[in-house]
């Protein structure tokens, strides 16, 4: 049930991104960027794909992210809602 909930949140985020892009293109809003926690984004991606690795006996591990810089991506290039389990 948690996967369904997180995927519905992800889909809602994608729809929000498309609507944001439409607003930007129409001039109704301005383009804003924000910093992204790269280690957190990587961990969320691993959590999201964990179920796919189980049947194949694959383990994905991440190491310490000391000194990893924060990114300033475009608003639609990263998920706005990090996955929580």
N, C-alpha and C. Protein backbone atom coordinates (compact mmCIF):
# COMPACT_ATOMS: atom_id res chain seq x y z
N UNK A 1 0.82 -1.19 0.00
CA UNK A 1 0.00 0.00 0.00
C UNK A 1 0.87 1.25 0.00
N UNK A 2 2.02 1.18 0.65
CA UNK A 2 2.92 2.32 0.68
C UNK A 2 3.43 2.69 -0.70
N UNK A 3 3.67 1.67 -1.54
CA UNK A 3 4.14 1.93 -2.90
C UNK A 3 3.06 2.65 -3.70
N UNK A 4 1.83 2.21 -3.57
CA UNK A 4 0.72 2.87 -4.29
C UNK A 4 0.61 4.32 -3.85
N UNK A 5 0.70 4.54 -2.56
CA UNK A 5 0.61 5.90 -2.02
C UNK A 5 1.74 6.78 -2.55
N UNK A 6 2.97 6.27 -2.51
CA UNK A 6 4.10 7.08 -2.96
C UNK A 6 4.06 7.31 -4.47
N UNK A 7 3.61 6.32 -5.23
CA UNK A 7 3.51 6.48 -6.68
C UNK A 7 2.40 7.46 -7.05
N UNK A 8 1.30 7.46 -6.30
CA UNK A 8 0.25 8.43 -6.57
C UNK A 8 0.74 9.84 -6.25
N UNK A 9 1.54 9.98 -5.20
CA UNK A 9 2.16 11.28 -4.89
C UNK A 9 3.11 11.69 -6.01
N UNK A 10 3.87 10.75 -6.53
CA UNK A 10 4.80 11.03 -7.62
C UNK A 10 4.04 11.47 -8.87
N UNK A 11 2.95 10.77 -9.19
CA UNK A 11 2.14 11.14 -10.36
C UNK A 11 1.54 12.53 -10.17
N UNK A 12 1.05 12.81 -8.97
CA UNK A 12 0.52 14.14 -8.68
C UNK A 12 1.60 15.19 -8.88
N UNK A 13 2.82 14.88 -8.47
CA UNK A 13 3.94 15.80 -8.67
C UNK A 13 4.21 16.05 -10.14
N UNK A 14 4.11 14.99 -10.96
CA UNK A 14 4.32 15.15 -12.40
C UNK A 14 3.24 16.04 -13.02
N UNK A 15 2.01 15.83 -12.60
CA UNK A 15 0.91 16.66 -13.10
C UNK A 15 1.14 18.11 -12.68
N UNK A 16 1.53 18.31 -11.42
CA UNK A 16 1.84 19.66 -10.93
C UNK A 16 2.96 20.30 -11.76
N UNK A 17 3.97 19.51 -12.11
CA UNK A 17 5.07 20.03 -12.92
C UNK A 17 4.59 20.50 -14.29
N UNK A 18 3.72 19.71 -14.91
CA UNK A 18 3.18 20.08 -16.23
C UNK A 18 2.35 21.37 -16.10
N UNK A 19 1.54 21.45 -15.06
CA UNK A 19 0.75 22.66 -14.85
C UNK A 19 1.64 23.87 -14.57
N UNK A 20 2.71 23.67 -13.78
CA UNK A 20 3.66 24.75 -13.52
C UNK A 20 4.30 25.23 -14.82
N UNK A 21 4.69 24.29 -15.66
CA UNK A 21 5.31 24.65 -16.94
C UNK A 21 4.32 25.45 -17.80
N UNK A 22 3.06 25.04 -17.81
CA UNK A 22 2.05 25.78 -18.57
C UNK A 22 1.89 27.20 -18.03
N UNK A 23 1.91 27.35 -16.71
CA UNK A 23 1.80 28.68 -16.11
C UNK A 23 3.01 29.55 -16.46
N UNK A 24 4.20 28.95 -16.44
CA UNK A 24 5.41 29.69 -16.79
C UNK A 24 5.35 30.14 -18.24
N UNK A 25 4.96 29.23 -19.13
CA UNK A 25 4.89 29.56 -20.55
C UNK A 25 3.85 30.63 -20.84
N UNK A 26 2.78 30.68 -20.05
CA UNK A 26 1.73 31.67 -20.28
C UNK A 26 2.04 33.00 -19.58
N UNK A 27 3.11 33.03 -18.78
CA UNK A 27 3.48 34.26 -18.08
C UNK A 27 2.73 34.47 -16.78
N UNK A 28 1.97 33.48 -16.31
CA UNK A 28 1.21 33.61 -15.07
C UNK A 28 2.09 33.48 -13.83
N UNK A 29 3.27 32.93 -13.99
CA UNK A 29 4.17 32.77 -12.85
C UNK A 29 5.61 32.89 -13.34
N UNK A 30 6.53 33.02 -12.40
CA UNK A 30 7.94 33.15 -12.76
C UNK A 30 8.67 31.84 -12.48
N UNK A 31 9.77 31.64 -13.17
CA UNK A 31 10.60 30.46 -13.02
C UNK A 31 11.40 30.56 -11.73
N UNK A 32 11.27 29.58 -10.86
CA UNK A 32 12.01 29.58 -9.60
C UNK A 32 12.80 28.29 -9.49
N UNK A 33 13.97 28.38 -8.91
CA UNK A 33 14.77 27.18 -8.64
C UNK A 33 15.01 27.09 -7.14
N UNK A 34 15.33 25.91 -6.70
CA UNK A 34 15.66 25.70 -5.29
C UNK A 34 16.74 24.63 -5.20
N UNK A 35 17.45 24.63 -4.10
CA UNK A 35 18.52 23.65 -3.93
C UNK A 35 17.94 22.26 -3.68
N UNK A 36 18.67 21.25 -4.16
CA UNK A 36 18.28 19.86 -3.98
C UNK A 36 19.36 19.14 -3.20
N UNK A 37 18.94 18.37 -2.23
CA UNK A 37 19.86 17.54 -1.45
C UNK A 37 20.16 16.29 -2.28
N UNK A 38 21.32 16.28 -2.95
CA UNK A 38 21.66 15.17 -3.85
C UNK A 38 21.69 13.82 -3.15
N UNK A 39 22.36 13.69 -2.00
CA UNK A 39 22.33 12.38 -1.32
C UNK A 39 20.90 11.94 -0.99
N UNK A 40 20.05 12.87 -0.58
CA UNK A 40 18.66 12.54 -0.29
C UNK A 40 17.91 12.10 -1.53
N UNK A 41 18.19 12.76 -2.66
CA UNK A 41 17.53 12.39 -3.93
C UNK A 41 17.98 11.00 -4.37
N UNK A 42 19.26 10.69 -4.18
CA UNK A 42 19.77 9.37 -4.54
C UNK A 42 19.15 8.30 -3.65
N UNK A 43 19.05 8.59 -2.36
CA UNK A 43 18.45 7.64 -1.43
C UNK A 43 16.98 7.40 -1.78
N UNK A 44 16.26 8.46 -2.15
CA UNK A 44 14.85 8.31 -2.55
C UNK A 44 14.73 7.45 -3.80
N UNK A 45 15.65 7.62 -4.75
CA UNK A 45 15.62 6.82 -5.98
C UNK A 45 15.89 5.35 -5.67
N UNK A 46 16.81 5.09 -4.76
CA UNK A 46 17.10 3.71 -4.37
C UNK A 46 15.90 3.10 -3.66
N UNK A 47 15.27 3.86 -2.76
CA UNK A 47 14.07 3.37 -2.07
C UNK A 47 12.97 3.05 -3.07
N UNK A 48 12.81 3.91 -4.07
CA UNK A 48 11.76 3.75 -5.06
C UNK A 48 11.95 2.49 -5.90
N UNK A 49 13.19 2.14 -6.19
CA UNK A 49 13.46 0.99 -7.05
C UNK A 49 13.84 -0.27 -6.28
N UNK A 50 13.82 -0.21 -4.96
CA UNK A 50 14.23 -1.35 -4.13
C UNK A 50 13.44 -2.62 -4.47
N UNK A 51 12.14 -2.49 -4.65
CA UNK A 51 11.32 -3.67 -4.94
C UNK A 51 11.73 -4.34 -6.25
N UNK A 52 12.26 -3.59 -7.19
CA UNK A 52 12.70 -4.17 -8.46
C UNK A 52 13.97 -5.00 -8.31
N UNK A 53 14.77 -4.69 -7.30
CA UNK A 53 16.04 -5.40 -7.12
C UNK A 53 15.88 -6.72 -6.36
N UNK A 54 14.82 -6.85 -5.58
CA UNK A 54 14.64 -8.05 -4.73
C UNK A 54 14.61 -9.36 -5.51
N UNK A 55 13.80 -9.48 -6.58
CA UNK A 55 13.76 -10.76 -7.28
C UNK A 55 15.07 -11.12 -7.98
N UNK A 56 15.93 -10.15 -8.17
CA UNK A 56 17.19 -10.39 -8.89
C UNK A 56 18.38 -10.52 -7.95
N UNK A 57 18.11 -10.50 -6.63
CA UNK A 57 19.17 -10.59 -5.62
C UNK A 57 20.25 -9.52 -5.83
N UNK A 58 19.81 -8.31 -6.10
CA UNK A 58 20.72 -7.19 -6.29
C UNK A 58 20.61 -6.27 -5.09
N UNK A 59 21.73 -5.86 -4.57
CA UNK A 59 21.75 -4.92 -3.46
C UNK A 59 22.41 -3.63 -3.92
N UNK A 60 21.76 -2.52 -3.67
CA UNK A 60 22.31 -1.21 -4.02
C UNK A 60 22.62 -0.50 -2.71
N UNK A 61 23.86 -0.07 -2.58
CA UNK A 61 24.29 0.63 -1.37
C UNK A 61 24.83 2.00 -1.75
N UNK A 62 24.62 2.94 -0.86
CA UNK A 62 25.21 4.26 -1.07
C UNK A 62 26.19 4.53 0.06
N UNK A 63 27.24 5.24 -0.26
CA UNK A 63 28.24 5.57 0.73
C UNK A 63 27.98 6.94 1.31
N UNK A 64 28.84 7.34 2.24
CA UNK A 64 28.67 8.66 2.85
C UNK A 64 28.74 9.77 1.81
N UNK A 65 27.91 10.77 1.97
CA UNK A 65 27.87 11.89 1.04
C UNK A 65 28.56 13.13 1.55
N UNK A 66 29.60 12.94 2.33
CA UNK A 66 30.31 14.10 2.88
C UNK A 66 30.85 14.98 1.78
N UNK A 67 30.52 16.25 1.84
CA UNK A 67 31.06 17.20 0.88
C UNK A 67 30.35 17.22 -0.46
N UNK A 68 29.24 16.48 -0.60
CA UNK A 68 28.51 16.50 -1.86
C UNK A 68 27.77 17.83 -1.95
N UNK A 69 27.99 18.57 -3.03
CA UNK A 69 27.35 19.89 -3.12
C UNK A 69 25.85 19.79 -3.36
N UNK A 70 25.15 20.82 -2.95
CA UNK A 70 23.73 20.92 -3.25
C UNK A 70 23.60 21.43 -4.68
N UNK A 71 22.54 21.05 -5.36
CA UNK A 71 22.32 21.42 -6.75
C UNK A 71 21.22 22.47 -6.85
N UNK A 72 21.26 23.24 -7.91
CA UNK A 72 20.19 24.18 -8.23
C UNK A 72 19.59 23.80 -9.58
N UNK A 73 18.80 22.73 -9.61
CA UNK A 73 18.24 22.28 -10.89
C UNK A 73 17.00 23.09 -11.27
N UNK A 74 16.49 22.84 -12.44
CA UNK A 74 15.23 23.45 -12.84
C UNK A 74 14.12 22.80 -12.02
N UNK A 75 13.02 23.48 -11.80
CA UNK A 75 11.97 22.93 -10.94
C UNK A 75 11.38 21.62 -11.43
N UNK A 76 11.38 21.36 -12.73
CA UNK A 76 10.73 20.15 -13.22
C UNK A 76 11.70 18.99 -13.41
N UNK A 77 12.98 19.17 -13.08
CA UNK A 77 13.92 18.09 -13.32
C UNK A 77 14.10 17.16 -12.13
N UNK A 78 13.59 17.52 -10.97
CA UNK A 78 13.69 16.67 -9.78
C UNK A 78 12.33 16.60 -9.13
N UNK A 79 12.08 15.51 -8.48
CA UNK A 79 10.83 15.35 -7.74
C UNK A 79 10.75 16.40 -6.64
N UNK A 80 9.62 17.03 -6.51
CA UNK A 80 9.43 18.04 -5.46
C UNK A 80 9.03 17.39 -4.15
N UNK A 81 8.59 16.18 -4.21
CA UNK A 81 8.13 15.50 -3.00
C UNK A 81 8.98 14.26 -2.76
N UNK A 82 9.94 14.34 -1.84
CA UNK A 82 10.76 13.16 -1.59
C UNK A 82 9.92 12.01 -1.05
N UNK A 83 10.27 10.83 -1.45
CA UNK A 83 9.55 9.64 -1.02
C UNK A 83 9.91 9.34 0.43
N UNK A 84 8.91 9.05 1.23
CA UNK A 84 9.15 8.65 2.61
C UNK A 84 8.52 7.29 2.83
N UNK A 85 9.21 6.46 3.58
CA UNK A 85 8.69 5.11 3.85
C UNK A 85 8.48 4.96 5.34
